[in-house]
Amino acid sequence: SSASGFAALVSSVAALYKLPATPSQLSLISRQGSGSA
């Protein structure tokens, strides 16, 4: 549940901010909340 939650959070904020980041780059951020995220 924490993995899906933090992944959704990071992905949502990235979409709102229109960040030119790949999923791999975003994964560096999401894993700080939950490794599996």
PDB file of all heavy atoms in Angstrom:
ATOM      1  N   SER A   1       0.832  -1.208   0.000  1.00  0.00           N
ATOM      2  CA  SER A   1       0.000   0.000   0.000  1.00  0.00           C
ATOM      3  C   SER A   1       0.866   1.257   0.000  1.00  0.00           C
ATOM      4  O   SER A   1       0.558   2.235  -0.692  1.00  0.00           O
ATOM      5  CB  SER A   1      -0.935   0.013   1.220  1.00  0.00           C
ATOM      6  OG  SER A   1      -0.189   0.004   2.424  1.00  0.00           O
ATOM      7  N   SER A   2       1.961   1.244   0.760  1.00  0.00           N
ATOM      8  CA  SER A   2       2.830   2.422   0.800  1.00  0.00           C
ATOM      9  C   SER A   2       3.535   2.601  -0.536  1.00  0.00           C
ATOM     10  O   SER A   2       3.749   3.738  -0.989  1.00  0.00           O
ATOM     11  CB  SER A   2       3.853   2.305   1.935  1.00  0.00           C
ATOM     12  OG  SER A   2       4.642   1.138   1.786  1.00  0.00           O
ATOM     13  N   ALA A   3       3.889   1.500  -1.201  1.00  0.00           N
ATOM     14  CA  ALA A   3       4.546   1.590  -2.504  1.00  0.00           C
ATOM     15  C   ALA A   3       3.640   2.255  -3.522  1.00  0.00           C
ATOM     16  O   ALA A   3       4.048   3.180  -4.234  1.00  0.00           O
ATOM     17  CB  ALA A   3       4.949   0.192  -2.986  1.00  0.00           C
ATOM     18  N   SER A   4       2.398   1.816  -3.592  1.00  0.00           N
ATOM     19  CA  SER A   4       1.471   2.405  -4.558  1.00  0.00           C
ATOM     20  C   SER A   4       1.148   3.844  -4.196  1.00  0.00           C
ATOM     21  O   SER A   4       1.039   4.706  -5.072  1.00  0.00           O
ATOM     22  CB  SER A   4       0.185   1.574  -4.627  1.00  0.00           C
ATOM     23  OG  SER A   4      -0.488   1.549  -3.379  1.00  0.00           O
ATOM     24  N   GLY A   5       1.034   4.114  -2.897  1.00  0.00           N
ATOM     25  CA  GLY A   5       0.699   5.469  -2.465  1.00  0.00           C
ATOM     26  C   GLY A   5       1.775   6.475  -2.786  1.00  0.00           C
ATOM     27  O   GLY A   5       1.499   7.551  -3.339  1.00  0.00           O
ATOM     28  N   PHE A   6       3.021   6.146  -2.465  1.00  0.00           N
ATOM     29  CA  PHE A   6       4.120   7.090  -2.737  1.00  0.00           C
ATOM     30  C   PHE A   6       4.394   7.208  -4.235  1.00  0.00           C
ATOM     31  O   PHE A   6       4.759   8.284  -4.715  1.00  0.00           O
ATOM     32  CB  PHE A   6       5.384   6.670  -1.992  1.00  0.00           C
ATOM     33  CG  PHE A   6       5.409   7.103  -0.553  1.00  0.00           C
ATOM     34  CD1 PHE A   6       5.244   6.184   0.470  1.00  0.00           C
ATOM     35  CD2 PHE A   6       5.580   8.436  -0.215  1.00  0.00           C
ATOM     36  CE1 PHE A   6       5.248   6.582   1.805  1.00  0.00           C
ATOM     37  CE2 PHE A   6       5.588   8.853   1.102  1.00  0.00           C
ATOM     38  CZ  PHE A   6       5.419   7.914   2.124  1.00  0.00           C
ATOM     39  N   ALA A   7       4.215   6.122  -4.979  1.00  0.00           N
ATOM     40  CA  ALA A   7       4.382   6.205  -6.433  1.00  0.00           C
ATOM     41  C   ALA A   7       3.330   7.120  -7.041  1.00  0.00           C
ATOM     42  O   ALA A   7       3.631   7.935  -7.922  1.00  0.00           O
ATOM     43  CB  ALA A   7       4.304   4.816  -7.057  1.00  0.00           C
ATOM     44  N   ALA A   8       2.097   6.992  -6.565  1.00  0.00           N
ATOM     45  CA  ALA A   8       1.022   7.853  -7.063  1.00  0.00           C
ATOM     46  C   ALA A   8       1.276   9.314  -6.698  1.00  0.00           C
ATOM     47  O   ALA A   8       1.040  10.224  -7.507  1.00  0.00           O
ATOM     48  CB  ALA A   8      -0.319   7.391  -6.491  1.00  0.00           C
ATOM     49  N   LEU A   9       1.765   9.545  -5.486  1.00  0.00           N
ATOM     50  CA  LEU A   9       2.052  10.909  -5.035  1.00  0.00           C
ATOM     51  C   LEU A   9       3.122  11.558  -5.911  1.00  0.00           C
ATOM     52  O   LEU A   9       2.932  12.672  -6.439  1.00  0.00           O
ATOM     53  CB  LEU A   9       2.519  10.878  -3.580  1.00  0.00           C
ATOM     54  CG  LEU A   9       3.064  12.192  -3.000  1.00  0.00           C
ATOM     55  CD1 LEU A   9       1.982  13.258  -2.987  1.00  0.00           C
ATOM     56  CD2 LEU A   9       3.620  11.970  -1.604  1.00  0.00           C
ATOM     57  N   VAL A  10       4.245  10.868  -6.096  1.00  0.00           N
ATOM     58  CA  VAL A  10       5.344  11.432  -6.886  1.00  0.00           C
ATOM     59  C   VAL A  10       4.917  11.616  -8.337  1.00  0.00           C
ATOM     60  O   VAL A  10       5.208  12.649  -8.964  1.00  0.00           O
ATOM     61  CB  VAL A  10       6.588  10.526  -6.789  1.00  0.00           C
ATOM     62  CG1 VAL A  10       7.663  10.968  -7.775  1.00  0.00           C
ATOM     63  CG2 VAL A  10       7.137  10.535  -5.371  1.00  0.00           C
ATOM     64  N   SER A  11       4.222  10.634  -8.895  1.00  0.00           N
ATOM     65  CA  SER A  11       3.779  10.724 -10.280  1.00  0.00           C
ATOM     66  C   SER A  11       2.791  11.872 -10.486  1.00  0.00           C
ATOM     67  O   SER A  11       2.858  12.595 -11.487  1.00  0.00           O
ATOM     68  CB  SER A  11       3.134   9.391 -10.693  1.00  0.00           C
ATOM     69  OG  SER A  11       2.720   9.431 -12.032  1.00  0.00           O
ATOM     70  N   SER A  12       1.888  12.062  -9.524  1.00  0.00           N
ATOM     71  CA  SER A  12       0.891  13.135  -9.621  1.00  0.00           C
ATOM     72  C   SER A  12       1.538  14.517  -9.579  1.00  0.00           C
ATOM     73  O   SER A  12       1.203  15.406 -10.374  1.00  0.00           O
ATOM     74  CB  SER A  12      -0.134  13.016  -8.484  1.00  0.00           C
ATOM     75  OG  SER A  12      -0.844  11.815  -8.573  1.00  0.00           O
ATOM     76  N   VAL A  13       2.458  14.691  -8.634  1.00  0.00           N
ATOM     77  CA  VAL A  13       3.128  15.983  -8.510  1.00  0.00           C
ATOM     78  C   VAL A  13       3.979  16.256  -9.752  1.00  0.00           C
ATOM     79  O   VAL A  13       4.018  17.384 -10.264  1.00  0.00           O
ATOM     80  CB  VAL A  13       3.988  16.030  -7.225  1.00  0.00           C
ATOM     81  CG1 VAL A  13       4.802  17.323  -7.181  1.00  0.00           C
ATOM     82  CG2 VAL A  13       3.104  15.927  -5.990  1.00  0.00           C
ATOM     83  N   ALA A  14       4.630  15.222 -10.274  1.00  0.00           N
ATOM     84  CA  ALA A  14       5.447  15.386 -11.484  1.00  0.00           C
ATOM     85  C   ALA A  14       4.576  15.789 -12.666  1.00  0.00           C
ATOM     86  O   ALA A  14       4.975  16.631 -13.490  1.00  0.00           O
ATOM     87  CB  ALA A  14       6.198  14.092 -11.796  1.00  0.00           C
ATOM     88  N   ALA A  15       3.381  15.201 -12.767  1.00  0.00           N
ATOM     89  CA  ALA A  15       2.461  15.552 -13.857  1.00  0.00           C
ATOM     90  C   ALA A  15       1.953  16.981 -13.696  1.00  0.00           C
ATOM     91  O   ALA A  15       1.867  17.745 -14.668  1.00  0.00           O
ATOM     92  CB  ALA A  15       1.293  14.574 -13.874  1.00  0.00           C
ATOM     93  N   LEU A  16       1.615  17.367 -12.464  1.00  0.00           N
ATOM     94  CA  LEU A  16       1.151  18.736 -12.196  1.00  0.00           C
ATOM     95  C   LEU A  16       2.229  19.751 -12.552  1.00  0.00           C
ATOM     96  O   LEU A  16       1.951  20.778 -13.186  1.00  0.00           O
ATOM     97  CB  LEU A  16       0.773  18.869 -10.725  1.00  0.00           C
ATOM     98  CG  LEU A  16       0.459  20.289 -10.223  1.00  0.00           C
ATOM     99  CD1 LEU A  16      -0.817  20.819 -10.871  1.00  0.00           C
ATOM    100  CD2 LEU A  16       0.338  20.301  -8.695  1.00  0.00           C
ATOM    101  N   TYR A  17       3.458  19.453 -12.173  1.00  0.00           N
ATOM    102  CA  TYR A  17       4.570  20.372 -12.408  1.00  0.00           C
ATOM    103  C   TYR A  17       5.176  20.262 -13.811  1.00  0.00           C
ATOM    104  O   TYR A  17       6.093  21.013 -14.152  1.00  0.00           O
ATOM    105  CB  TYR A  17       5.671  20.117 -11.374  1.00  0.00           C
ATOM    106  CG  TYR A  17       5.403  20.682  -9.996  1.00  0.00           C
ATOM    107  CD1 TYR A  17       6.209  20.329  -8.924  1.00  0.00           C
ATOM    108  CD2 TYR A  17       4.354  21.574  -9.767  1.00  0.00           C
ATOM    109  CE1 TYR A  17       5.991  20.853  -7.660  1.00  0.00           C
ATOM    110  CE2 TYR A  17       4.127  22.097  -8.506  1.00  0.00           C
ATOM    111  CZ  TYR A  17       4.941  21.738  -7.455  1.00  0.00           C
ATOM    112  OH  TYR A  17       4.726  22.264  -6.208  1.00  0.00           O
ATOM    113  N   LYS A  18       4.682  19.295 -14.590  1.00  0.00           N
ATOM    114  CA  LYS A  18       5.182  19.079 -15.955  1.00  0.00           C
ATOM    115  C   LYS A  18       6.706  18.886 -15.970  1.00  0.00           C
ATOM    116  O   LYS A  18       7.439  19.502 -16.739  1.00  0.00           O
ATOM    117  CB  LYS A  18       4.795  20.249 -16.867  1.00  0.00           C
ATOM    118  CG  LYS A  18       3.292  20.434 -17.013  1.00  0.00           C
ATOM    119  CD  LYS A  18       2.963  21.591 -17.946  1.00  0.00           C
ATOM    120  CE  LYS A  18       1.456  21.776 -18.090  1.00  0.00           C
ATOM    121  NZ  LYS A  18       1.109  22.909 -18.989  1.00  0.00           N
ATOM    122  N   LEU A  19       7.140  18.010 -15.087  1.00  0.00           N
ATOM    123  CA  LEU A  19       8.576  17.765 -14.974  1.00  0.00           C
ATOM    124  C   LEU A  19       9.059  16.868 -16.114  1.00  0.00           C
ATOM    125  O   LEU A  19       8.449  15.836 -16.393  1.00  0.00           O
ATOM    126  CB  LEU A  19       8.900  17.090 -13.635  1.00  0.00           C
ATOM    127  CG  LEU A  19       8.506  17.850 -12.364  1.00  0.00           C
ATOM    128  CD1 LEU A  19       8.941  17.056 -11.135  1.00  0.00           C
ATOM    129  CD2 LEU A  19       9.136  19.236 -12.351  1.00  0.00           C
ATOM    130  N   PRO A  20      10.144  17.242 -16.772  1.00  0.00           N
ATOM    131  CA  PRO A  20      10.705  16.418 -17.852  1.00  0.00           C
ATOM    132  C   PRO A  20      11.556  15.290 -17.282  1.00  0.00           C
ATOM    133  O   PRO A  20      12.760  15.195 -17.555  1.00  0.00           O
ATOM    134  CB  PRO A  20      11.541  17.425 -18.635  1.00  0.00           C
ATOM    135  CG  PRO A  20      12.015  18.387 -17.599  1.00  0.00           C
ATOM    136  CD  PRO A  20      10.894  18.507 -16.593  1.00  0.00           C
ATOM    137  N   ALA A  21      10.937  14.438 -16.465  1.00  0.00           N
ATOM    138  CA  ALA A  21      11.681  13.379 -15.784  1.00  0.00           C
ATOM    139  C   ALA A  21      11.163  12.015 -16.224  1.00  0.00           C
ATOM    140  O   ALA A  21       9.967  11.825 -16.427  1.00  0.00           O
ATOM    141  CB  ALA A  21      11.532  13.533 -14.269  1.00  0.00           C
ATOM    142  N   THR A  22      12.059  11.065 -16.352  1.00  0.00           N
ATOM    143  CA  THR A  22      11.692   9.703 -16.698  1.00  0.00           C
ATOM    144  C   THR A  22      11.196   8.973 -15.447  1.00  0.00           C
ATOM    145  O   THR A  22      11.477   9.399 -14.310  1.00  0.00           O
ATOM    146  CB  THR A  22      12.902   8.938 -17.260  1.00  0.00           C
ATOM    147  OG1 THR A  22      13.885   8.797 -16.217  1.00  0.00           O
ATOM    148  CG2 THR A  22      13.515   9.680 -18.442  1.00  0.00           C
ATOM    149  N   PRO A  23      10.479   7.863 -15.622  1.00  0.00           N
ATOM    150  CA  PRO A  23      10.082   7.076 -14.450  1.00  0.00           C
ATOM    151  C   PRO A  23      11.271   6.652 -13.592  1.00  0.00           C
ATOM    152  O   PRO A  23      11.168   6.623 -12.361  1.00  0.00           O
ATOM    153  CB  PRO A  23       9.365   5.871 -15.067  1.00  0.00           C
ATOM    154  CG  PRO A  23       8.815   6.382 -16.353  1.00  0.00           C
ATOM    155  CD  PRO A  23       9.849   7.348 -16.856  1.00  0.00           C
ATOM    156  N   SER A  24      12.402   6.343 -14.214  1.00  0.00           N
ATOM    157  CA  SER A  24      13.588   5.970 -13.431  1.00  0.00           C
ATOM    158  C   SER A  24      14.060   7.129 -12.560  1.00  0.00           C
ATOM    159  O   SER A  24      14.435   6.945 -11.395  1.00  0.00           O
ATOM    160  CB  SER A  24      14.727   5.521 -14.357  1.00  0.00           C
ATOM    161  OG  SER A  24      14.467   4.261 -14.930  1.00  0.00           O
ATOM    162  N   GLN A  25      14.038   8.340 -13.123  1.00  0.00           N
ATOM    163  CA  GLN A  25      14.440   9.518 -12.342  1.00  0.00           C
ATOM    164  C   GLN A  25      13.466   9.787 -11.200  1.00  0.00           C
ATOM    165  O   GLN A  25      13.873  10.114 -10.087  1.00  0.00           O
ATOM    166  CB  GLN A  25      14.538  10.736 -13.266  1.00  0.00           C
ATOM    167  CG  GLN A  25      15.707  10.656 -14.248  1.00  0.00           C
ATOM    168  CD  GLN A  25      15.653  11.736 -15.314  1.00  0.00           C
ATOM    169  OE1 GLN A  25      14.572  12.157 -15.741  1.00  0.00           O
ATOM    170  NE2 GLN A  25      16.815  12.186 -15.771  1.00  0.00           N
ATOM    171  N   LEU A  26      12.171   9.621 -11.483  1.00  0.00           N
ATOM    172  CA  LEU A  26      11.173   9.821 -10.433  1.00  0.00           C
ATOM    173  C   LEU A  26      11.271   8.744  -9.354  1.00  0.00           C
ATOM    174  O   LEU A  26      10.942   8.984  -8.191  1.00  0.00           O
ATOM    175  CB  LEU A  26       9.766   9.826 -11.030  1.00  0.00           C
ATOM    176  CG  LEU A  26       9.422  10.998 -11.949  1.00  0.00           C
ATOM    177  CD1 LEU A  26       8.018  10.823 -12.517  1.00  0.00           C
ATOM    178  CD2 LEU A  26       9.525  12.333 -11.209  1.00  0.00           C
ATOM    179  N   SER A  27      11.745   7.563  -9.741  1.00  0.00           N
ATOM    180  CA  SER A  27      11.856   6.476  -8.764  1.00  0.00           C
ATOM    181  C   SER A  27      12.867   6.809  -7.674  1.00  0.00           C
ATOM    182  O   SER A  27      12.769   6.317  -6.550  1.00  0.00           O
ATOM    183  CB  SER A  27      12.224   5.168  -9.464  1.00  0.00           C
ATOM    184  OG  SER A  27      13.579   5.142  -9.882  1.00  0.00           O
ATOM    185  N   LEU A  28      13.865   7.645  -7.984  1.00  0.00           N
ATOM    186  CA  LEU A  28      14.831   8.072  -6.980  1.00  0.00           C
ATOM    187  C   LEU A  28      14.149   8.865  -5.866  1.00  0.00           C
ATOM    188  O   LEU A  28      14.580   8.826  -4.711  1.00  0.00           O
ATOM    189  CB  LEU A  28      15.919   8.932  -7.630  1.00  0.00           C
ATOM    190  CG  LEU A  28      16.933   8.209  -8.520  1.00  0.00           C
ATOM    191  CD1 LEU A  28      17.706   9.214  -9.356  1.00  0.00           C
ATOM    192  CD2 LEU A  28      17.872   7.360  -7.674  1.00  0.00           C
ATOM    193  N   ILE A  29      13.083   9.589  -6.248  1.00  0.00           N
ATOM    194  CA  ILE A  29      12.347  10.377  -5.254  1.00  0.00           C
ATOM    195  C   ILE A  29      11.377   9.486  -4.490  1.00  0.00           C
ATOM    196  O   ILE A  29      11.302   9.526  -3.260  1.00  0.00           O
ATOM    197  CB  ILE A  29      11.588  11.531  -5.944  1.00  0.00           C
ATOM    198  CG1 ILE A  29      12.555  12.441  -6.689  1.00  0.00           C
ATOM    199  CG2 ILE A  29      10.772  12.327  -4.922  1.00  0.00           C
ATOM    200  CD1 ILE A  29      11.878  13.506  -7.544  1.00  0.00           C
ATOM    201  N   SER A  30      10.617   8.665  -5.215  1.00  0.00           N
ATOM    202  CA  SER A  30       9.562   7.872  -4.574  1.00  0.00           C
ATOM    203  C   SER A  30      10.127   6.880  -3.558  1.00  0.00           C
ATOM    204  O   SER A  30       9.491   6.608  -2.535  1.00  0.00           O
ATOM    205  CB  SER A  30       8.737   7.133  -5.627  1.00  0.00           C
ATOM    206  OG  SER A  30       9.524   6.170  -6.300  1.00  0.00           O
ATOM    207  N   ARG A  31      11.324   6.341  -3.816  1.00  0.00           N
ATOM    208  CA  ARG A  31      11.860   5.337  -2.896  1.00  0.00           C
ATOM    209  C   ARG A  31      12.285   5.933  -1.563  1.00  0.00           C
ATOM    210  O   ARG A  31      12.531   5.196  -0.593  1.00  0.00           O
ATOM    211  CB  ARG A  31      13.029   4.584  -3.540  1.00  0.00           C
ATOM    212  CG  ARG A  31      14.303   5.373  -3.722  1.00  0.00           C
ATOM    213  CD  ARG A  31      15.438   4.450  -4.163  1.00  0.00           C
ATOM    214  NE  ARG A  31      16.677   5.171  -4.452  1.00  0.00           N
ATOM    215  CZ  ARG A  31      17.489   5.645  -3.532  1.00  0.00           C
ATOM    216  NH1 ARG A  31      17.199   5.487  -2.251  1.00  0.00           N
ATOM    217  NH2 ARG A  31      18.600   6.280  -3.876  1.00  0.00           N
ATOM    218  N   GLN A  32      12.360   7.272  -1.478  1.00  0.00           N
ATOM    219  CA  GLN A  32      12.661   7.893  -0.190  1.00  0.00           C
ATOM    220  C   GLN A  32      11.474   7.780   0.768  1.00  0.00           C
ATOM    221  O   GLN A  32      11.635   7.829   1.985  1.00  0.00           O
ATOM    222  CB  GLN A  32      13.038   9.359  -0.392  1.00  0.00           C
ATOM    223  CG  GLN A  32      14.322   9.540  -1.187  1.00  0.00           C
ATOM    224  CD  GLN A  32      14.681  10.995  -1.405  1.00  0.00           C
ATOM    225  OE1 GLN A  32      14.747  11.779  -0.463  1.00  0.00           O
ATOM    226  NE2 GLN A  32      14.912  11.368  -2.657  1.00  0.00           N
ATOM    227  N   GLY A  33      10.272   7.629   0.189  1.00  0.00           N
ATOM    228  CA  GLY A  33       9.090   7.413   1.022  1.00  0.00           C
ATOM    229  C   GLY A  33       8.879   5.941   1.316  1.00  0.00           C
ATOM    230  O   GLY A  33       8.539   5.550   2.431  1.00  0.00           O
ATOM    231  N   SER A  34       9.078   5.122   0.291  1.00  0.00           N
ATOM    232  CA  SER A  34       8.951   3.673   0.429  1.00  0.00           C
ATOM    233  C   SER A  34       9.851   3.044  -0.626  1.00  0.00           C
ATOM    234  O   SER A  34       9.714   3.345  -1.814  1.00  0.00           O
ATOM    235  CB  SER A  34       7.497   3.229   0.213  1.00  0.00           C
ATOM    236  OG  SER A  34       7.404   1.831   0.081  1.00  0.00           O
ATOM    237  N   GLY A  35      10.754   2.174  -0.200  1.00  0.00           N
ATOM    238  CA  GLY A  35      11.685   1.578  -1.149  1.00  0.00           C
ATOM    239  C   GLY A  35      10.987   0.934  -2.332  1.00  0.00           C
ATOM    240  O   GLY A  35      11.354   1.153  -3.492  1.00  0.00           O
ATOM    241  N   SER A  36       9.951   0.154  -2.060  1.00  0.00           N
ATOM    242  CA  SER A  36       9.244  -0.546  -3.131  1.00  0.00           C
ATOM    243  C   SER A  36       8.505   0.396  -4.068  1.00  0.00           C
ATOM    244  O   SER A  36       8.138   0.001  -5.179  1.00  0.00           O
ATOM    245  CB  SER A  36       8.244  -1.543  -2.529  1.00  0.00           C
ATOM    246  OG  SER A  36       8.913  -2.547  -1.808  1.00  0.00           O
ATOM    247  N   ALA A  37       8.277   1.630  -3.642  1.00  0.00           N
ATOM    248  CA  ALA A  37       7.556   2.585  -4.485  1.00  0.00           C
ATOM    249  C   ALA A  37       8.292   2.867  -5.780  1.00  0.00           C
ATOM    250  O   ALA A  37       7.674   3.210  -6.793  1.00  0.00           O
ATOM    251  CB  ALA A  37       7.320   3.897  -3.724  1.00  0.00           C
TER     252      ALA A  37
END
